[in-house]
Amino acid sequence: MGFSDAPVHRLCLLALVLCAACGTTMPFTMPEQRLAPPPPGKTPAVSEATPHLVAYPGIAVAYVANVDGDVYHHRDLYYTYFDGSWFCAQALRGPWNYIEMKYVPSDLFRVRGHRPPSLR
């Protein structure tokens, strides 16, 4: 739940309390939470049909060299870091989904913001 969801949850709780106090019931569902990809224009733009993967020495992470932005490949998934959050996708063109930090492969923290030595 994000900070902006707090007012919605408070209203829902208030509605439930009021219905319970009045002895009435009403069908109630919580609003669906959707995970948003990075904003348009900030997602990786593919410059070729096939990703050009450049390996980092000693770890199972590759840098995708032919896209705009820092995109990494690890175990059949693509990852990118944008505006303080990680996103992953099964294909470079997306869809990109938010991923919690605890599920980000630890090797990605080691390489984020650094290109492989062969590209420096």
PDB file of N, CA and C in Angstrom:
ATOM      1  N   MET A   1       0.844  -1.163   0.000  1.00  0.00           N
ATOM      2  CA  MET A   1       0.000   0.000   0.000  1.00  0.00           C
ATOM      3  C   MET A   1       0.890   1.226   0.000  1.00  0.00           C
ATOM      4  N   GLY A   2       0.666   2.091  -0.936  1.00  0.00           N
ATOM      5  CA  GLY A   2       1.424   3.327  -1.017  1.00  0.00           C
ATOM      6  C   GLY A   2       0.792   4.407  -0.169  1.00  0.00           C
ATOM      7  N   PHE A   3       1.539   5.481   0.038  1.00  0.00           N
ATOM      8  CA  PHE A   3       1.065   6.600   0.839  1.00  0.00           C
ATOM      9  C   PHE A   3      -0.233   7.173   0.276  1.00  0.00           C
ATOM     10  N   SER A   4      -0.339   7.247  -1.053  1.00  0.00           N
ATOM     11  CA  SER A   4      -1.522   7.845  -1.671  1.00  0.00           C
ATOM     12  C   SER A   4      -2.770   6.984  -1.506  1.00  0.00           C
ATOM     13  N   ASP A   5      -2.620   5.720  -1.112  1.00  0.00           N
ATOM     14  CA  ASP A   5      -3.770   4.836  -0.916  1.00  0.00           C
ATOM     15  C   ASP A   5      -4.409   5.021   0.458  1.00  0.00           C
ATOM     16  N   ALA A   6      -3.738   5.697   1.400  1.00  0.00           N
ATOM     17  CA  ALA A   6      -4.222   5.808   2.772  1.00  0.00           C
ATOM     18  C   ALA A   6      -5.613   6.430   2.856  1.00  0.00           C
ATOM     19  N   PRO A   7      -5.915   7.550   2.164  1.00  0.00           N
ATOM     20  CA  PRO A   7      -7.268   8.115   2.263  1.00  0.00           C
ATOM     21  C   PRO A   7      -8.349   7.153   1.792  1.00  0.00           C
ATOM     22  N   VAL A   8      -8.094   6.378   0.750  1.00  0.00           N
ATOM     23  CA  VAL A   8      -9.075   5.423   0.240  1.00  0.00           C
ATOM     24  C   VAL A   8      -9.363   4.362   1.292  1.00  0.00           C
ATOM     25  N   HIS A   9      -8.318   3.859   1.937  1.00  0.00           N
ATOM     26  CA  HIS A   9      -8.503   2.830   2.950  1.00  0.00           C
ATOM     27  C   HIS A   9      -9.236   3.384   4.176  1.00  0.00           C
ATOM     28  N   ARG A  10      -8.961   4.639   4.529  1.00  0.00           N
ATOM     29  CA  ARG A  10      -9.676   5.254   5.658  1.00  0.00           C
ATOM     30  C   ARG A  10     -11.167   5.384   5.345  1.00  0.00           C
ATOM     31  N   LEU A  11     -11.501   5.807   4.125  1.00  0.00           N
ATOM     32  CA  LEU A  11     -12.908   5.928   3.730  1.00  0.00           C
ATOM     33  C   LEU A  11     -13.601   4.579   3.748  1.00  0.00           C
ATOM     34  N   CYS A  12     -12.908   3.557   3.275  1.00  0.00           N
ATOM     35  CA  CYS A  12     -13.495   2.213   3.275  1.00  0.00           C
ATOM     36  C   CYS A  12     -13.761   1.737   4.691  1.00  0.00           C
ATOM     37  N   LEU A  13     -12.814   1.987   5.589  1.00  0.00           N
ATOM     38  CA  LEU A  13     -12.983   1.593   6.983  1.00  0.00           C
ATOM     39  C   LEU A  13     -14.135   2.358   7.619  1.00  0.00           C
ATOM     40  N   LEU A  14     -14.237   3.659   7.358  1.00  0.00           N
ATOM     41  CA  LEU A  14     -15.325   4.473   7.884  1.00  0.00           C
ATOM     42  C   LEU A  14     -16.675   3.955   7.393  1.00  0.00           C
ATOM     43  N   ALA A  15     -16.768   3.612   6.115  1.00  0.00           N
ATOM     44  CA  ALA A  15     -18.019   3.080   5.567  1.00  0.00           C
ATOM     45  C   ALA A  15     -18.413   1.780   6.262  1.00  0.00           C
ATOM     46  N   LEU A  16     -17.462   0.916   6.526  1.00  0.00           N
ATOM     47  CA  LEU A  16     -17.763  -0.348   7.219  1.00  0.00           C
ATOM     48  C   LEU A  16     -18.249  -0.098   8.640  1.00  0.00           C
ATOM     49  N   VAL A  17     -17.589   0.834   9.339  1.00  0.00           N
ATOM     50  CA  VAL A  17     -17.983   1.138  10.719  1.00  0.00           C
ATOM     51  C   VAL A  17     -19.392   1.713  10.755  1.00  0.00           C
ATOM     52  N   LEU A  18     -19.690   2.636   9.845  1.00  0.00           N
ATOM     53  CA  LEU A  18     -21.030   3.238   9.809  1.00  0.00           C
ATOM     54  C   LEU A  18     -22.098   2.204   9.477  1.00  0.00           C
ATOM     55  N   CYS A  19     -21.823   1.325   8.557  1.00  0.00           N
ATOM     56  CA  CYS A  19     -22.790   0.275   8.207  1.00  0.00           C
ATOM     57  C   CYS A  19     -23.022  -0.662   9.383  1.00  0.00           C
ATOM     58  N   ALA A  20     -21.958  -0.984  10.094  1.00  0.00           N
ATOM     59  CA  ALA A  20     -22.091  -1.874  11.249  1.00  0.00           C
ATOM     60  C   ALA A  20     -22.899  -1.198  12.350  1.00  0.00           C
ATOM     61  N   ALA A  21     -22.695   0.118  12.551  1.00  0.00           N
ATOM     62  CA  ALA A  21     -23.419   0.849  13.592  1.00  0.00           C
ATOM     63  C   ALA A  21     -24.903   0.947  13.261  1.00  0.00           C
ATOM     64  N   CYS A  22     -25.220   1.045  11.988  1.00  0.00           N
ATOM     65  CA  CYS A  22     -26.625   1.161  11.569  1.00  0.00           C
ATOM     66  C   CYS A  22     -27.300  -0.203  11.450  1.00  0.00           C
ATOM     67  N   GLY A  23     -26.547  -1.252  11.516  1.00  0.00           N
ATOM     68  CA  GLY A  23     -27.108  -2.584  11.376  1.00  0.00           C
ATOM     69  C   GLY A  23     -27.385  -2.966   9.937  1.00  0.00           C
ATOM     70  N   THR A  24     -26.827  -2.225   9.009  1.00  0.00           N
ATOM     71  CA  THR A  24     -27.037  -2.552   7.604  1.00  0.00           C
ATOM     72  C   THR A  24     -25.780  -3.194   7.030  1.00  0.00           C
ATOM     73  N   THR A  25     -25.978  -3.856   5.944  1.00  0.00           N
ATOM     74  CA  THR A  25     -24.840  -4.437   5.236  1.00  0.00           C
ATOM     75  C   THR A  25     -24.876  -3.959   3.801  1.00  0.00           C
ATOM     76  N   MET A  26     -23.732  -3.948   3.206  1.00  0.00           N
ATOM     77  CA  MET A  26     -23.655  -3.583   1.798  1.00  0.00           C
ATOM     78  C   MET A  26     -22.502  -4.346   1.175  1.00  0.00           C
ATOM     79  N   PRO A  27     -22.635  -4.695  -0.096  1.00  0.00           N
ATOM     80  CA  PRO A  27     -21.514  -5.370  -0.741  1.00  0.00           C
ATOM     81  C   PRO A  27     -20.334  -4.410  -0.779  1.00  0.00           C
ATOM     82  N   PHE A  28     -19.191  -4.903  -0.436  1.00  0.00           N
ATOM     83  CA  PHE A  28     -18.025  -4.036  -0.345  1.00  0.00           C
ATOM     84  C   PHE A  28     -16.794  -4.767  -0.858  1.00  0.00           C
ATOM     85  N   THR A  29     -16.058  -4.103  -1.697  1.00  0.00           N
ATOM     86  CA  THR A  29     -14.790  -4.655  -2.169  1.00  0.00           C
ATOM     87  C   THR A  29     -13.738  -3.564  -2.100  1.00  0.00           C
ATOM     88  N   MET A  30     -12.537  -3.958  -1.787  1.00  0.00           N
ATOM     89  CA  MET A  30     -11.412  -3.023  -1.757  1.00  0.00           C
ATOM     90  C   MET A  30     -11.018  -2.706  -3.194  1.00  0.00           C
ATOM     91  N   PRO A  31     -10.562  -1.475  -3.454  1.00  0.00           N
ATOM     92  CA  PRO A  31     -10.122  -1.155  -4.803  1.00  0.00           C
ATOM     93  C   PRO A  31      -8.913  -1.989  -5.197  1.00  0.00           C
ATOM     94  N   GLU A  32      -8.879  -2.386  -6.450  1.00  0.00           N
ATOM     95  CA  GLU A  32      -7.777  -3.200  -6.953  1.00  0.00           C
ATOM     96  C   GLU A  32      -6.512  -2.351  -7.036  1.00  0.00           C
ATOM     97  N   GLN A  33      -5.411  -2.899  -6.543  1.00  0.00           N
ATOM     98  CA  GLN A  33      -4.137  -2.192  -6.637  1.00  0.00           C
ATOM     99  C   GLN A  33      -3.397  -2.707  -7.858  1.00  0.00           C
ATOM    100  N   ARG A  34      -2.940  -1.793  -8.680  1.00  0.00           N
ATOM    101  CA  ARG A  34      -2.218  -2.164  -9.882  1.00  0.00           C
ATOM    102  C   ARG A  34      -0.782  -1.681  -9.770  1.00  0.00           C
ATOM    103  N   LEU A  35       0.106  -2.492 -10.264  1.00  0.00           N
ATOM    104  CA  LEU A  35       1.513  -2.113 -10.289  1.00  0.00           C
ATOM    105  C   LEU A  35       1.807  -1.425 -11.605  1.00  0.00           C
ATOM    106  N   ALA A  36       2.382  -0.271 -11.518  1.00  0.00           N
ATOM    107  CA  ALA A  36       2.635   0.514 -12.730  1.00  0.00           C
ATOM    108  C   ALA A  36       4.079   0.366 -13.181  1.00  0.00           C
ATOM    109  N   PRO A  37       4.289   0.289 -14.484  1.00  0.00           N
ATOM    110  CA  PRO A  37       5.656   0.293 -15.009  1.00  0.00           C
ATOM    111  C   PRO A  37       6.222   1.708 -14.918  1.00  0.00           C
ATOM    112  N   PRO A  38       7.497   1.882 -15.220  1.00  0.00           N
ATOM    113  CA  PRO A  38       8.043   3.240 -15.241  1.00  0.00           C
ATOM    114  C   PRO A  38       7.230   4.121 -16.190  1.00  0.00           C
ATOM    115  N   PRO A  39       7.220   5.421 -15.958  1.00  0.00           N
ATOM    116  CA  PRO A  39       6.447   6.330 -16.816  1.00  0.00           C
ATOM    117  C   PRO A  39       6.869   6.250 -18.275  1.00  0.00           C
ATOM    118  N   PRO A  40       5.967   6.578 -19.207  1.00  0.00           N
ATOM    119  CA  PRO A  40       6.311   6.551 -20.632  1.00  0.00           C
ATOM    120  C   PRO A  40       7.530   7.415 -20.913  1.00  0.00           C
ATOM    121  N   GLY A  41       8.353   6.943 -21.809  1.00  0.00           N
ATOM    122  CA  GLY A  41       9.573   7.667 -22.144  1.00  0.00           C
ATOM    123  C   GLY A  41      10.736   7.299 -21.259  1.00  0.00           C
ATOM    124  N   LYS A  42      10.474   6.612 -20.166  1.00  0.00           N
ATOM    125  CA  LYS A  42      11.543   6.206 -19.254  1.00  0.00           C
ATOM    126  C   LYS A  42      11.797   4.704 -19.310  1.00  0.00           C
ATOM    127  N   THR A  43      10.971   3.976 -20.050  1.00  0.00           N
ATOM    128  CA  THR A  43      11.204   2.548 -20.189  1.00  0.00           C
ATOM    129  C   THR A  43      12.304   2.341 -21.229  1.00  0.00           C
ATOM    130  N   PRO A  44      13.022   1.242 -21.147  1.00  0.00           N
ATOM    131  CA  PRO A  44      14.117   1.017 -22.084  1.00  0.00           C
ATOM    132  C   PRO A  44      13.624   0.983 -23.529  1.00  0.00           C
ATOM    133  N   ALA A  45      14.299   1.691 -24.391  1.00  0.00           N
ATOM    134  CA  ALA A  45      13.983   1.678 -25.823  1.00  0.00           C
ATOM    135  C   ALA A  45      14.960   0.745 -26.529  1.00  0.00           C
ATOM    136  N   VAL A  46      14.442  -0.231 -27.219  1.00  0.00           N
ATOM    137  CA  VAL A  46      15.274  -1.230 -27.881  1.00  0.00           C
ATOM    138  C   VAL A  46      15.754  -0.690 -29.218  1.00  0.00           C
ATOM    139  N   SER A  47      17.070  -0.776 -29.452  1.00  0.00           N
ATOM    140  CA  SER A  47      17.606  -0.257 -30.708  1.00  0.00           C
ATOM    141  C   SER A  47      17.811  -1.363 -31.742  1.00  0.00           C
ATOM    142  N   GLU A  48      17.745  -2.611 -31.325  1.00  0.00           N
ATOM    143  CA  GLU A  48      17.888  -3.742 -32.236  1.00  0.00           C
ATOM    144  C   GLU A  48      16.877  -4.809 -31.828  1.00  0.00           C
ATOM    145  N   ALA A  49      16.611  -5.739 -32.741  1.00  0.00           N
ATOM    146  CA  ALA A  49      15.636  -6.801 -32.467  1.00  0.00           C
ATOM    147  C   ALA A  49      16.135  -7.775 -31.395  1.00  0.00           C
ATOM    148  N   THR A  50      17.425  -8.046 -31.381  1.00  0.00           N
ATOM    149  CA  THR A  50      18.003  -9.002 -30.441  1.00  0.00           C
ATOM    150  C   THR A  50      18.821  -8.268 -29.394  1.00  0.00           C
ATOM    151  N   PRO A  51      18.588  -8.551 -28.094  1.00  0.00           N
ATOM    152  CA  PRO A  51      19.372  -7.869 -27.070  1.00  0.00           C
ATOM    153  C   PRO A  51      20.847  -8.248 -27.146  1.00  0.00           C
ATOM    154  N   HIS A  52      21.715  -7.258 -26.997  1.00  0.00           N
ATOM    155  CA  HIS A  52      23.153  -7.493 -26.971  1.00  0.00           C
ATOM    156  C   HIS A  52      23.576  -7.558 -25.509  1.00  0.00           C
ATOM    157  N   LEU A  53      23.764  -8.779 -25.005  1.00  0.00           N
ATOM    158  CA  LEU A  53      24.089  -8.993 -23.598  1.00  0.00           C
ATOM    159  C   LEU A  53      25.597  -9.031 -23.404  1.00  0.00           C
ATOM    160  N   VAL A  54      26.076  -8.238 -22.448  1.00  0.00           N
ATOM    161  CA  VAL A  54      27.497  -8.203 -22.108  1.00  0.00           C
ATOM    162  C   VAL A  54      27.625  -8.651 -20.660  1.00  0.00           C
ATOM    163  N   ALA A  55      28.334  -9.749 -20.451  1.00  0.00           N
ATOM    164  CA  ALA A  55      28.440 -10.360 -19.125  1.00  0.00           C
ATOM    165  C   ALA A  55      29.348  -9.573 -18.187  1.00  0.00           C
ATOM    166  N   TYR A  56      28.973  -9.594 -16.923  1.00  0.00           N
ATOM    167  CA  TYR A  56      29.860  -9.093 -15.863  1.00  0.00           C
ATOM    168  C   TYR A  56      30.715 -10.280 -15.425  1.00  0.00           C
ATOM    169  N   PRO A  57      32.007 -10.096 -15.241  1.00  0.00           N
ATOM    170  CA  PRO A  57      32.855 -11.217 -14.842  1.00  0.00           C
ATOM    171  C   PRO A  57      32.501 -11.756 -13.452  1.00  0.00           C
ATOM    172  N   GLY A  58      32.381 -13.059 -13.354  1.00  0.00           N
ATOM    173  CA  GLY A  58      32.201 -13.729 -12.072  1.00  0.00           C
ATOM    174  C   GLY A  58      30.800 -13.755 -11.496  1.00  0.00           C
ATOM    175  N   ILE A  59      29.818 -13.169 -12.177  1.00  0.00           N
ATOM    176  CA  ILE A  59      28.441 -13.223 -11.675  1.00  0.00           C
ATOM    177  C   ILE A  59      27.489 -13.532 -12.826  1.00  0.00           C
ATOM    178  N   ALA A  60      26.284 -13.949 -12.478  1.00  0.00           N
ATOM    179  CA  ALA A  60      25.303 -14.376 -13.487  1.00  0.00           C
ATOM    180  C   ALA A  60      24.405 -13.216 -13.929  1.00  0.00           C
ATOM    181  N   VAL A  61      24.987 -12.052 -14.148  1.00  0.00           N
ATOM    182  CA  VAL A  61      24.241 -10.880 -14.601  1.00  0.00           C
ATOM    183  C   VAL A  61      24.889 -10.372 -15.872  1.00  0.00           C
ATOM    184  N   ALA A  62      24.053  -9.960 -16.821  1.00  0.00           N
ATOM    185  CA  ALA A  62      24.551  -9.356 -18.056  1.00  0.00           C
ATOM    186  C   ALA A  62      23.935  -7.972 -18.206  1.00  0.00           C
ATOM    187  N   TYR A  63      24.674  -7.090 -18.844  1.00  0.00           N
ATOM    188  CA  TYR A  63      24.208  -5.736 -19.141  1.00  0.00           C
ATOM    189  C   TYR A  63      23.655  -5.742 -20.556  1.00  0.00           C
ATOM    190  N   VAL A  64      22.495  -5.139 -20.758  1.00  0.00           N
ATOM    191  CA  VAL A  64      21.912  -5.067 -22.097  1.00  0.00           C
ATOM    192  C   VAL A  64      22.458  -3.791 -22.744  1.00  0.00           C
ATOM    193  N   ALA A  65      23.374  -3.964 -23.694  1.00  0.00           N
ATOM    194  CA  ALA A  65      24.125  -2.839 -24.251  1.00  0.00           C
ATOM    195  C   ALA A  65      23.380  -2.061 -25.328  1.00  0.00           C
ATOM    196  N   ASN A  66      22.371  -2.635 -25.943  1.00  0.00           N
ATOM    197  CA  ASN A  66      21.720  -1.954 -27.070  1.00  0.00           C
ATOM    198  C   ASN A  66      20.339  -1.388 -26.717  1.00  0.00           C
ATOM    199  N   VAL A  67      20.200  -0.863 -25.490  1.00  0.00           N
ATOM    200  CA  VAL A  67      18.971  -0.181 -25.087  1.00  0.00           C
ATOM    201  C   VAL A  67      19.343   1.153 -24.443  1.00  0.00           C
ATOM    202  N   ASP A  68      18.377   2.056 -24.423  1.00  0.00           N
ATOM    203  CA  ASP A  68      18.577   3.312 -23.708  1.00  0.00           C
ATOM    204  C   ASP A  68      18.332   3.064 -22.232  1.00  0.00           C
ATOM    205  N   GLY A  69      19.266   3.441 -21.398  1.00  0.00           N
ATOM    206  CA  GLY A  69      19.125   3.238 -19.959  1.00  0.00           C
ATOM    207  C   GLY A  69      19.860   1.991 -19.510  1.00  0.00           C
ATOM    208  N   ASP A  70      19.958   1.831 -18.206  1.00  0.00           N
ATOM    209  CA  ASP A  70      20.637   0.674 -17.627  1.00  0.00           C
ATOM    210  C   ASP A  70      19.644  -0.460 -17.442  1.00  0.00           C
ATOM    211  N   VAL A  71      19.824  -1.502 -18.233  1.00  0.00           N
ATOM    212  CA  VAL A  71      18.968  -2.689 -18.168  1.00  0.00           C
ATOM    213  C   VAL A  71      19.881  -3.887 -17.981  1.00  0.00           C
ATOM    214  N   TYR A  72      19.467  -4.773 -17.102  1.00  0.00           N
ATOM    215  CA  TYR A  72      20.260  -5.949 -16.760  1.00  0.00           C
ATOM    216  C   TYR A  72      19.455  -7.211 -17.053  1.00  0.00           C
ATOM    217  N   HIS A  73      20.180  -8.306 -17.310  1.00  0.00           N
ATOM    218  CA  HIS A  73      19.547  -9.595 -17.590  1.00  0.00           C
ATOM    219  C   HIS A  73      20.064 -10.598 -16.563  1.00  0.00           C
ATOM    220  N   HIS A  74      19.131 -11.316 -15.945  1.00  0.00           N
ATOM    221  CA  HIS A  74      19.493 -12.328 -14.952  1.00  0.00           C
ATOM    222  C   HIS A  74      18.444 -13.430 -14.992  1.00  0.00           C
ATOM    223  N   ARG A  75      18.873 -14.646 -15.311  1.00  0.00           N
ATOM    224  CA  ARG A  75      17.989 -15.827 -15.317  1.00  0.00           C
ATOM    225  C   ARG A  75      16.676 -15.593 -16.070  1.00  0.00           C
ATOM    226  N   ASP A  76      16.772 -15.245 -17.322  1.00  0.00           N
ATOM    227  CA  ASP A  76      15.621 -15.092 -18.223  1.00  0.00           C
ATOM    228  C   ASP A  76      14.701 -13.908 -17.910  1.00  0.00           C
ATOM    229  N   LEU A  77      15.120 -12.998 -17.043  1.00  0.00           N
ATOM    230  CA  LEU A  77      14.338 -11.789 -16.780  1.00  0.00           C
ATOM    231  C   LEU A  77      15.206 -10.561 -16.993  1.00  0.00           C
ATOM    232  N   TYR A  78      14.562  -9.474 -17.362  1.00  0.00           N
ATOM    233  CA  TYR A  78      15.234  -8.186 -17.513  1.00  0.00           C
ATOM    234  C   TYR A  78      14.870  -7.319 -16.322  1.00  0.00           C
ATOM    235  N   TYR A  79      15.825  -6.532 -15.842  1.00  0.00           N
ATOM    236  CA  TYR A  79      15.617  -5.664 -14.698  1.00  0.00           C
ATOM    237  C   TYR A  79      16.100  -4.262 -15.027  1.00  0.00           C
ATOM    238  N   THR A  80      15.433  -3.271 -14.477  1.00  0.00           N
ATOM    239  CA  THR A  80      15.901  -1.890 -14.573  1.00  0.00           C
ATOM    240  C   THR A  80      15.549  -1.188 -13.275  1.00  0.00           C
ATOM    241  N   TYR A  81      16.332  -0.175 -12.943  1.00  0.00           N
ATOM    242  CA  TYR A  81      16.133   0.603 -11.730  1.00  0.00           C
ATOM    243  C   TYR A  81      15.715   1.999 -12.143  1.00  0.00           C
ATOM    244  N   PHE A  82      14.578   2.473 -11.650  1.00  0.00           N
ATOM    245  CA  PHE A  82      14.071   3.783 -12.044  1.00  0.00           C
ATOM    246  C   PHE A  82      13.422   4.473 -10.853  1.00  0.00           C
ATOM    247  N   ASP A  83      13.824   5.683 -10.597  1.00  0.00           N
ATOM    248  CA  ASP A  83      13.205   6.529  -9.586  1.00  0.00           C
ATOM    249  C   ASP A  83      13.084   5.832  -8.228  1.00  0.00           C
ATOM    250  N   GLY A  84      14.156   5.150  -7.822  1.00  0.00           N
ATOM    251  CA  GLY A  84      14.185   4.513  -6.512  1.00  0.00           C
ATOM    252  C   GLY A  84      13.522   3.156  -6.424  1.00  0.00           C
ATOM    253  N   SER A  85      13.092   2.595  -7.555  1.00  0.00           N
ATOM    254  CA  SER A  85      12.421   1.290  -7.546  1.00  0.00           C
ATOM    255  C   SER A  85      12.968   0.387  -8.647  1.00  0.00           C
ATOM    256  N   TRP A  86      12.863  -0.907  -8.404  1.00  0.00           N
ATOM    257  CA  TRP A  86      13.252  -1.900  -9.399  1.00  0.00           C
ATOM    258  C   TRP A  86      12.014  -2.372 -10.158  1.00  0.00           C
ATOM    259  N   PHE A  87      12.226  -2.658 -11.444  1.00  0.00           N
ATOM    260  CA  PHE A  87      11.173  -3.195 -12.303  1.00  0.00           C
ATOM    261  C   PHE A  87      11.747  -4.388 -13.054  1.00  0.00           C
ATOM    262  N   CYS A  88      10.901  -5.357 -13.383  1.00  0.00           N
ATOM    263  CA  CYS A  88      11.369  -6.502 -14.162  1.00  0.00           C
ATOM    264  C   CYS A  88      10.362  -6.823 -15.262  1.00  0.00           C
ATOM    265  N   ALA A  89      10.851  -7.525 -16.270  1.00  0.00           N
ATOM    266  CA  ALA A  89      10.014  -7.919 -17.404  1.00  0.00           C
ATOM    267  C   ALA A  89      10.572  -9.191 -18.010  1.00  0.00           C
ATOM    268  N   GLN A  90       9.705  -9.934 -18.673  1.00  0.00           N
ATOM    269  CA  GLN A  90      10.157 -11.136 -19.370  1.00  0.00           C
ATOM    270  C   GLN A  90      10.704 -10.804 -20.749  1.00  0.00           C
ATOM    271  N   ALA A  91      10.391  -9.616 -21.257  1.00  0.00           N
ATOM    272  CA  ALA A  91      10.879  -9.169 -22.561  1.00  0.00           C
ATOM    273  C   ALA A  91      11.273  -7.701 -22.449  1.00  0.00           C
ATOM    274  N   LEU A  92      12.192  -7.277 -23.289  1.00  0.00           N
ATOM    275  CA  LEU A  92      12.654  -5.893 -23.242  1.00  0.00           C
ATOM    276  C   LEU A  92      11.535  -4.883 -23.484  1.00  0.00           C
ATOM    277  N   ARG A  93      10.572  -5.251 -24.280  1.00  0.00           N
ATOM    278  CA  ARG A  93       9.473  -4.327 -24.584  1.00  0.00           C
ATOM    279  C   ARG A  93       8.385  -4.341 -23.505  1.00  0.00           C
ATOM    280  N   GLY A  94       8.608  -5.127 -22.448  1.00  0.00           N
ATOM    281  CA  GLY A  94       7.662  -5.140 -21.341  1.00  0.00           C
ATOM    282  C   GLY A  94       6.609  -6.206 -21.509  1.00  0.00           C
ATOM    283  N   PRO A  95       5.614  -6.146 -20.687  1.00  0.00           N
ATOM    284  CA  PRO A  95       5.319  -5.099 -19.719  1.00  0.00           C
ATOM    285  C   PRO A  95       6.282  -5.148 -18.524  1.00  0.00           C
ATOM    286  N   TRP A  96       6.625  -3.962 -18.018  1.00  0.00           N
ATOM    287  CA  TRP A  96       7.521  -3.820 -16.873  1.00  0.00           C
ATOM    288  C   TRP A  96       6.687  -3.752 -15.606  1.00  0.00           C
ATOM    289  N   ASN A  97       7.061  -4.551 -14.633  1.00  0.00           N
ATOM    290  CA  ASN A  97       6.328  -4.615 -13.368  1.00  0.00           C
ATOM    291  C   ASN A  97       7.248  -4.270 -12.204  1.00  0.00           C
ATOM    292  N   TYR A  98       6.697  -3.563 -11.237  1.00  0.00           N
ATOM    293  CA  TYR A  98       7.423  -3.242 -10.009  1.00  0.00           C
ATOM    294  C   TYR A  98       7.785  -4.536  -9.295  1.00  0.00           C
ATOM    295  N   ILE A  99       8.978  -4.558  -8.710  1.00  0.00           N
ATOM    296  CA  ILE A  99       9.404  -5.723  -7.932  1.00  0.00           C
ATOM    297  C   ILE A  99       9.945  -5.225  -6.593  1.00  0.00           C
ATOM    298  N   GLU A 100       9.517  -5.859  -5.509  1.00  0.00           N
ATOM    299  CA  GLU A 100       9.985  -5.468  -4.185  1.00  0.00           C
ATOM    300  C   GLU A 100      11.477  -5.759  -4.062  1.00  0.00           C
ATOM    301  N   MET A 101      12.160  -4.914  -3.298  1.00  0.00           N
ATOM    302  CA  MET A 101      13.614  -5.035  -3.137  1.00  0.00           C
ATOM    303  C   MET A 101      14.034  -6.432  -2.673  1.00  0.00           C
ATOM    304  N   LYS A 102      13.220  -7.042  -1.822  1.00  0.00           N
ATOM    305  CA  LYS A 102      13.612  -8.351  -1.286  1.00  0.00           C
ATOM    306  C   LYS A 102      13.641  -9.440  -2.360  1.00  0.00           C
ATOM    307  N   TYR A 103      13.009  -9.189  -3.517  1.00  0.00           N
ATOM    308  CA  TYR A 103      13.004 -10.173  -4.595  1.00  0.00           C
ATOM    309  C   TYR A 103      14.012  -9.858  -5.704  1.00  0.00           C
ATOM    310  N   VAL A 104      14.721  -8.769  -5.572  1.00  0.00           N
ATOM    311  CA  VAL A 104      15.728  -8.408  -6.569  1.00  0.00           C
ATOM    312  C   VAL A 104      16.967  -9.263  -6.316  1.00  0.00           C
ATOM    313  N   PRO A 105      17.490  -9.945  -7.345  1.00  0.00           N
ATOM    314  CA  PRO A 105      18.703 -10.743  -7.159  1.00  0.00           C
ATOM    315  C   PRO A 105      19.840  -9.882  -6.598  1.00  0.00           C
ATOM    316  N   SER A 106      20.527 -10.413  -5.600  1.00  0.00           N
ATOM    317  CA  SER A 106      21.553  -9.630  -4.898  1.00  0.00           C
ATOM    318  C   SER A 106      22.672  -9.136  -5.818  1.00  0.00           C
ATOM    319  N   ASP A 107      22.992  -9.886  -6.865  1.00  0.00           N
ATOM    320  CA  ASP A 107      24.058  -9.451  -7.776  1.00  0.00           C
ATOM    321  C   ASP A 107      23.696  -8.144  -8.491  1.00  0.00           C
ATOM    322  N   LEU A 108      22.418  -7.861  -8.646  1.00  0.00           N
ATOM    323  CA  LEU A 108      22.023  -6.618  -9.310  1.00  0.00           C
ATOM    324  C   LEU A 108      22.398  -5.395  -8.481  1.00  0.00           C
ATOM    325  N   PHE A 109      22.390  -5.527  -7.167  1.00  0.00           N
ATOM    326  CA  PHE A 109      22.799  -4.410  -6.320  1.00  0.00           C
ATOM    327  C   PHE A 109      24.290  -4.114  -6.493  1.00  0.00           C
ATOM    328  N   ARG A 110      25.060  -5.133  -6.797  1.00  0.00           N
ATOM    329  CA  ARG A 110      26.508  -4.960  -6.987  1.00  0.00           C
ATOM    330  C   ARG A 110      26.840  -4.227  -8.281  1.00  0.00           C
ATOM    331  N   VAL A 111      26.020  -4.410  -9.301  1.00  0.00           N
ATOM    332  CA  VAL A 111      26.354  -3.850 -10.619  1.00  0.00           C
ATOM    333  C   VAL A 111      25.550  -2.613 -10.992  1.00  0.00           C
ATOM    334  N   ARG A 112      24.498  -2.306 -10.258  1.00  0.00           N
ATOM    335  CA  ARG A 112      23.628  -1.170 -10.627  1.00  0.00           C
ATOM    336  C   ARG A 112      24.450   0.115 -10.786  1.00  0.00           C
ATOM    337  N   GLY A 113      24.274   0.736 -11.933  1.00  0.00           N
ATOM    338  CA  GLY A 113      24.971   1.983 -12.214  1.00  0.00           C
ATOM    339  C   GLY A 113      26.379   1.810 -12.770  1.00  0.00           C
ATOM    340  N   HIS A 114      26.830   0.560 -12.913  1.00  0.00           N
ATOM    341  CA  HIS A 114      28.184   0.281 -13.436  1.00  0.00           C
ATOM    342  C   HIS A 114      28.082  -0.598 -14.675  1.00  0.00           C
ATOM    343  N   ARG A 115      28.731  -0.168 -15.715  1.00  0.00           N
ATOM    344  CA  ARG A 115      28.787  -0.999 -16.933  1.00  0.00           C
ATOM    345  C   ARG A 115      29.882  -2.063 -16.773  1.00  0.00           C
ATOM    346  N   PRO A 116      29.752  -3.158 -17.496  1.00  0.00           N
ATOM    347  CA  PRO A 116      30.809  -4.173 -17.440  1.00  0.00           C
ATOM    348  C   PRO A 116      32.144  -3.570 -17.896  1.00  0.00           C
ATOM    349  N   PRO A 117      33.254  -4.113 -17.385  1.00  0.00           N
ATOM    350  CA  PRO A 117      34.584  -3.573 -17.757  1.00  0.00           C
ATOM    351  C   PRO A 117      34.806  -3.497 -19.260  1.00  0.00           C
ATOM    352  N   SER A 118      34.263  -4.422 -20.023  1.00  0.00           N
ATOM    353  CA  SER A 118      34.506  -4.420 -21.462  1.00  0.00           C
ATOM    354  C   SER A 118      33.805  -3.265 -22.189  1.00  0.00           C
ATOM    355  N   LEU A 119      32.864  -2.580 -21.518  1.00  0.00           N
ATOM    356  CA  LEU A 119      32.153  -1.442 -22.120  1.00  0.00           C
ATOM    357  C   LEU A 119      32.647  -0.093 -21.603  1.00  0.00           C
ATOM    358  N   ARG A 120      33.550  -0.086 -20.660  1.00  0.00           N
ATOM    359  CA  ARG A 120      34.025   1.184 -20.092  1.00  0.00           C
ATOM    360  C   ARG A 120      35.067   1.819 -20.964  1.00  0.00           C
TER     361      ARG A 120
END
